[in-house]
Protein backbone atom coordinates (compact mmCIF):
# COMPACT_ATOMS: atom_id res chain seq x y z
CA MET A 1 123.33 89.01 102.01
CA LYS A 2 122.32 93.15 100.55
CA PRO A 3 122.71 95.59 103.21
CA PHE A 4 119.16 96.76 104.29
CA GLN A 5 119.41 100.90 103.81
CA LYS A 6 117.05 103.40 105.08
CA ASN A 7 114.82 106.09 103.08
CA LEU A 8 112.57 108.52 102.67
CA VAL A 9 109.89 106.49 100.95
CA PRO A 10 107.85 105.06 103.55
CA LEU A 11 107.45 108.05 104.90
CA ILE A 12 105.81 109.48 102.28
CA GLU A 13 103.70 106.87 101.54
CA SER A 14 102.36 107.44 105.37
CA SER A 15 101.23 111.02 105.19
CA TYR A 16 99.78 109.99 101.59
CA ASP A 17 96.20 109.52 101.83
CA GLY A 18 96.04 113.43 103.50
CA LEU A 19 98.01 114.68 100.12
CA THR A 20 95.94 116.63 97.85
CA LEU A 21 95.96 115.78 93.99
CA THR A 22 98.98 118.07 93.55
CA GLU A 23 100.51 116.95 97.00
CA GLN A 24 99.91 113.00 95.60
CA GLU A 25 101.57 114.27 92.11
CA ILE A 26 104.42 115.67 94.53
CA ALA A 27 104.56 112.46 96.38
CA ASP A 28 105.16 109.99 93.63
CA PHE A 29 108.50 112.05 92.13
CA PHE A 30 109.87 111.55 95.35
CA ILE A 31 108.56 107.67 95.60
CA LYS A 32 108.89 106.54 92.43
CA SER A 33 111.58 108.63 90.04
CA VAL A 34 115.49 107.55 89.91
CA HIS A 35 117.78 110.69 91.08
CA GLU A 36 121.03 110.73 90.81
CA ASP A 37 122.67 113.45 90.38
CA ARG A 38 120.06 115.88 90.04
CA ASP A 39 118.71 119.31 91.07
CA PHE A 40 116.50 119.47 93.87
CA SER A 41 116.04 122.95 94.48
CA ALA A 42 112.73 124.31 95.03
CA GLU A 43 112.23 126.25 91.36
CA LYS A 44 113.51 123.05 90.35
CA VAL A 45 111.46 121.12 91.09
CA ALA A 46 108.44 123.68 91.02
CA GLU A 47 109.29 123.82 86.84
CA GLU A 48 109.37 120.08 86.36
CA LEU A 49 106.17 119.22 87.87
CA HIS A 50 104.53 123.02 87.16
CA VAL A 51 103.69 123.54 90.64
CA SER A 52 104.27 126.83 92.73
CA VAL A 53 106.40 126.47 95.12
CA SER A 54 104.45 127.08 98.29
CA THR A 55 102.90 124.17 97.12
CA LEU A 56 105.93 122.11 97.50
CA THR A 57 106.33 123.98 101.07
CA ARG A 58 102.85 122.68 102.13
CA PHE A 59 103.74 118.91 100.46
CA ALA A 60 106.97 119.08 102.90
CA GLN A 61 105.00 120.07 105.72
CA LYS A 62 102.51 117.43 105.69
CA CYS A 63 104.92 114.96 105.51
CA GLY A 64 106.31 116.81 109.12
CA PHE A 65 108.78 119.10 108.33
CA SER A 66 108.69 122.54 108.67
CA GLY A 67 109.70 123.46 105.34
CA TYR A 68 110.45 121.86 101.47
CA ARG A 69 114.16 122.80 102.78
CA GLN A 70 114.02 120.97 105.57
CA PHE A 71 112.51 118.21 103.38
CA ILE A 72 114.98 118.01 100.51
CA PHE A 73 118.12 117.88 103.32
CA GLU A 74 116.63 114.95 105.41
CA TYR A 75 115.74 113.49 101.92
CA GLU A 76 118.91 113.53 100.44
CA SER A 77 121.01 113.37 103.31
CA VAL A 78 119.21 109.88 103.43
CA GLU A 79 119.31 108.81 100.04
CA ASN A 80 123.52 109.51 100.27
CA SER A 81 124.40 107.84 104.21
CA THR A 82 125.93 105.38 104.02
CA SER A 83 124.64 104.37 107.72
CA ARG A 84 123.62 100.68 107.92
CA ILE A 85 121.08 99.23 110.94
CA THR A 86 123.97 98.22 113.16
CA ASP A 87 122.10 95.65 115.82
CA ALA A 88 122.37 92.15 115.26
CA LEU A 89 119.01 90.94 115.98
CA ILE A 90 117.49 93.42 113.68
CA GLN A 91 119.28 92.48 110.57
CA ARG A 92 118.99 88.68 111.05
CA VAL A 93 114.93 89.07 111.23
CA MET A 94 115.01 91.18 108.66
CA TYR A 95 117.47 89.23 106.78
CA ASP A 96 115.10 85.91 107.42
CA TYR A 97 111.82 87.77 105.70
CA GLU A 98 114.77 88.17 102.40
CA GLU A 99 115.54 84.81 102.64
CA LEU A 100 112.17 83.64 103.00
CA ILE A 101 110.85 85.90 100.26
CA ASN A 102 113.76 84.78 97.85
CA LYS A 103 113.00 81.08 98.44
CA THR A 104 108.98 81.51 97.92
CA TYR A 105 110.75 82.78 94.15
CA SER A 106 111.98 79.78 93.40
CA LEU A 107 109.10 77.06 94.63
CA VAL A 108 106.00 79.14 92.64
CA ASP A 109 105.04 77.38 89.58
CA GLU A 110 103.40 78.19 87.52
CA GLU A 111 102.06 75.60 85.71
CA GLN A 112 100.80 74.23 89.13
CA PHE A 113 98.94 77.63 89.93
CA SER A 114 96.88 77.38 86.68
CA ARG A 115 95.50 73.56 87.92
CA ILE A 116 94.65 74.77 91.35
CA THR A 117 93.46 78.05 89.74
CA SER A 118 90.71 75.61 87.31
CA MET A 119 90.18 73.30 90.64
CA LEU A 120 88.48 76.28 92.20
CA ARG A 121 87.16 78.15 89.15
CA GLU A 122 84.77 74.53 88.52
CA ALA A 123 84.36 74.21 92.79
CA LYS A 124 81.21 74.42 93.54
CA ARG A 125 82.67 75.38 97.02
CA VAL A 126 85.93 75.45 99.00
CA TYR A 127 87.24 74.37 102.54
CA ILE A 128 90.33 75.90 103.46
CA TYR A 129 91.47 74.20 107.40
CA GLY A 130 93.69 75.33 109.32
CA LYS A 131 95.21 75.53 112.84
CA GLY A 132 96.41 77.84 114.99
CA SER A 133 99.05 80.29 112.93
CA SER A 134 97.83 78.68 110.44
CA GLY A 135 94.24 79.01 110.63
CA LEU A 136 94.51 82.47 111.08
CA VAL A 137 96.20 82.27 107.46
CA SER A 138 92.80 80.48 106.84
CA ARG A 139 90.56 83.14 107.47
CA GLU A 140 92.52 85.74 105.58
CA MET A 141 92.53 83.21 102.48
CA LYS A 142 88.87 82.71 103.11
CA LEU A 143 88.03 86.64 103.05
CA ARG A 144 90.60 87.88 100.23
CA PHE A 145 89.39 85.24 97.84
CA MET A 146 85.10 85.60 98.55
CA ARG A 147 85.70 88.63 97.86
CA ILE A 148 86.43 88.59 94.27
CA GLY A 149 83.21 85.39 94.06
CA LEU A 150 84.40 81.99 95.26
CA ILE A 151 82.24 80.10 97.45
CA CYS A 152 84.72 78.93 100.43
CA GLU A 153 84.51 78.60 104.06
CA ALA A 154 87.60 78.82 106.47
CA ILE A 155 87.69 76.08 109.12
CA THR A 156 89.65 76.41 112.40
CA GLU A 157 88.16 74.47 115.04
CA GLU A 158 89.46 70.49 114.62
CA ASP A 159 85.14 69.10 115.78
CA MET A 160 84.35 71.13 112.98
CA MET A 161 87.02 70.34 110.67
CA ARG A 162 85.33 66.30 111.53
CA MET A 163 81.05 67.49 111.00
CA ASN A 164 81.81 69.66 107.63
CA HIS A 165 82.81 66.23 106.13
CA ILE A 166 79.91 65.40 105.71
CA LEU A 167 79.20 68.58 103.17
CA ILE A 168 81.98 66.92 100.98
CA ASP A 169 81.52 66.09 97.38
CA PRO A 170 83.13 66.58 94.07
CA ASP A 171 81.82 69.10 93.73
CA CYS A 172 84.41 70.60 96.49
CA VAL A 173 88.05 71.69 97.11
CA VAL A 174 89.32 71.35 100.63
CA ILE A 175 92.56 73.32 101.32
CA GLY A 176 94.42 72.32 104.14
CA LEU A 177 97.29 74.02 105.73
CA THR A 178 100.05 72.90 107.66
CA VAL A 179 103.56 74.42 108.04
CA SER A 180 104.69 71.51 109.43
CA GLY A 181 102.86 69.24 107.44
CA LYS A 182 102.41 67.17 110.95
CA THR A 183 99.11 69.24 112.52
CA LYS A 184 96.65 65.51 112.44
CA PRO A 185 93.15 66.45 112.63
CA VAL A 186 94.58 69.17 108.87
CA LEU A 187 96.04 66.34 107.24
CA GLU A 188 92.98 63.85 108.44
CA ALA A 189 90.26 66.23 106.88
CA LEU A 190 92.02 66.52 104.03
CA HIS A 191 92.17 63.00 104.01
CA GLN A 192 88.51 62.04 104.68
CA ALA A 193 87.64 64.81 101.35
CA LYS A 194 89.71 62.73 99.41
CA ASN A 195 87.96 60.04 100.09
CA HIS A 196 84.35 61.82 99.46
CA GLY A 197 85.95 62.78 96.17
CA ALA A 198 86.66 66.23 96.48
CA LYS A 199 90.07 68.03 95.43
CA THR A 200 92.05 68.83 97.83
CA VAL A 201 95.55 71.54 97.72
CA LEU A 202 97.97 71.28 101.06
CA LEU A 203 100.04 73.73 101.49
CA THR A 204 102.64 73.25 103.89
CA THR A 205 107.31 72.76 104.41
CA ASN A 206 106.78 69.80 104.09
CA HIS A 207 107.69 67.51 100.78
CA SER A 208 106.88 64.23 101.90
CA GLU A 209 106.15 62.67 98.81
CA SER A 210 103.38 60.30 100.90
CA PHE A 211 101.38 63.69 100.77
CA SER A 212 101.61 63.61 96.04
CA GLN A 213 99.83 60.39 96.62
CA GLU A 214 97.78 61.25 98.80
CA PHE A 215 96.44 64.51 97.72
CA ASP A 216 95.85 66.07 94.48
CA GLU A 217 98.65 68.95 94.72
CA VAL A 218 101.15 69.79 97.50
CA LEU A 219 102.03 73.75 97.44
CA LEU A 220 105.21 74.14 98.58
CA ILE A 221 105.76 76.91 101.09
CA ALA A 222 109.41 78.01 101.97
CA GLN A 223 110.84 77.33 105.44
CA LYS A 224 113.41 77.63 108.00
CA LYS A 225 114.74 75.74 110.99
CA THR A 226 112.50 76.18 113.65
CA LEU A 227 109.81 78.64 111.65
CA SER A 228 106.45 76.68 113.07
CA GLN A 229 107.54 77.71 116.57
CA GLY A 230 107.35 81.19 115.32
CA ASN A 231 110.62 82.29 117.44
CA LYS A 232 111.82 84.95 115.61
CA ILE A 233 109.70 84.93 112.71
CA SER A 234 105.85 84.68 112.31
CA PRO A 235 105.15 81.04 111.35
CA GLN A 236 102.46 82.77 108.53
CA PHE A 237 104.74 84.83 107.20
CA PRO A 238 105.47 82.82 103.95
CA LEU A 239 102.02 81.60 103.86
CA LEU A 240 100.91 84.22 103.52
CA ILE A 241 103.29 85.26 100.81
CA MET A 242 102.16 82.13 98.89
CA VAL A 243 98.20 83.11 99.40
CA ASP A 244 98.61 86.18 98.60
CA ILE A 245 100.62 85.43 94.46
CA PHE A 246 98.20 82.98 94.13
CA TYR A 247 95.97 85.64 94.95
CA ALA A 248 96.43 87.85 92.16
CA TYR A 249 97.38 84.67 89.79
CA PHE A 250 93.46 84.20 90.21
CA ARG A 251 92.41 87.47 90.60
CA ASN A 252 93.89 87.50 86.69
CA SER A 253 91.82 85.08 85.56
CA ASP A 254 89.34 85.78 84.22
CA THR A 255 89.74 89.62 84.71
CA GLU A 256 87.00 91.71 84.22
CA MET A 257 84.87 89.70 86.30
CA ARG A 258 86.77 89.51 89.32
CA GLN A 259 87.39 92.77 89.45
CA ASN A 260 84.37 93.78 88.79
CA LEU A 261 83.32 91.27 91.71
CA PHE A 262 86.35 92.76 94.03
CA GLN A 263 85.10 96.80 93.04
CA HIS A 264 80.94 95.44 94.56
CA THR A 265 82.55 94.05 97.50
CA LEU A 266 84.34 97.26 98.18
CA ASP A 267 80.67 98.96 97.00
CA ALA A 268 79.28 97.38 99.51
CA LEU A 269 81.06 98.64 102.29
CA ASN A 270 81.75 102.23 101.39
CA ILE A 271 85.07 102.34 100.59
CA ARG A 272 87.44 103.42 97.90
CA GLU A 273 89.55 100.93 96.59
CA GLY A 274 92.11 103.26 96.70
CA ASP A 275 91.63 103.57 100.58
CA GLN A 276 93.55 99.68 100.54
CA ASN A 277 96.14 100.53 102.02
CA GLY A 278 95.11 102.70 105.12
CA LYS A 279 92.00 100.69 106.57
CA SER A 280 92.88 96.84 104.83
């Protein structure tokens, strides 16, 4: 596996909101540019970015350094460093996350995303079922999708899943989240929804042939041994990755309308979109 390397980018990004527009341009220079054998002297960088040396100094101080000289010393030292995280446990956790991301990429099926997107666009109501860690993801999924105009509700209690079936009809889409594919209340609720004529989507690591026959779509998520136990990796992590990818895909349908709805939500909360990284 590719070794993980440290750099100063996260530190710069953590200071970003407190920078002026000019200082943010400096930050972008160090975050986005590829710097190989580059002259980082204050005079050269100031000339290239059309800023003053004193502005570079203020930028460095806001990033927690005494001045630009200390900042660039640390920046170059980290960039050229061959140091690695040596703690085996930390490495294992990082590699596990990387492995799950790579597996998710392999599981993404754009044609399936297109089919599910069509279901959601045509649905009058969407219900998202999940328990435990999957229930947390269902709530997050509801909050994200309702901000772009999807009428949806997250249901995480078993009794509510049973009661909710009286509201299910062919105009609904019901999404079930279960990492193991063995959460009985979620599976039973999906079966009830299917019997009421609703479209059903299951997100799971369990590639069971019966699921493909029972539900309209089975969206597979990445798995790893003992994932559902939350041993080292949070069980909801692969679910969140797939939800994020699908959210981006769905938002890209009717892009202008979805963006307008998203902006209306932000306006209602009196939050600018640019503030989301620090406040979401």
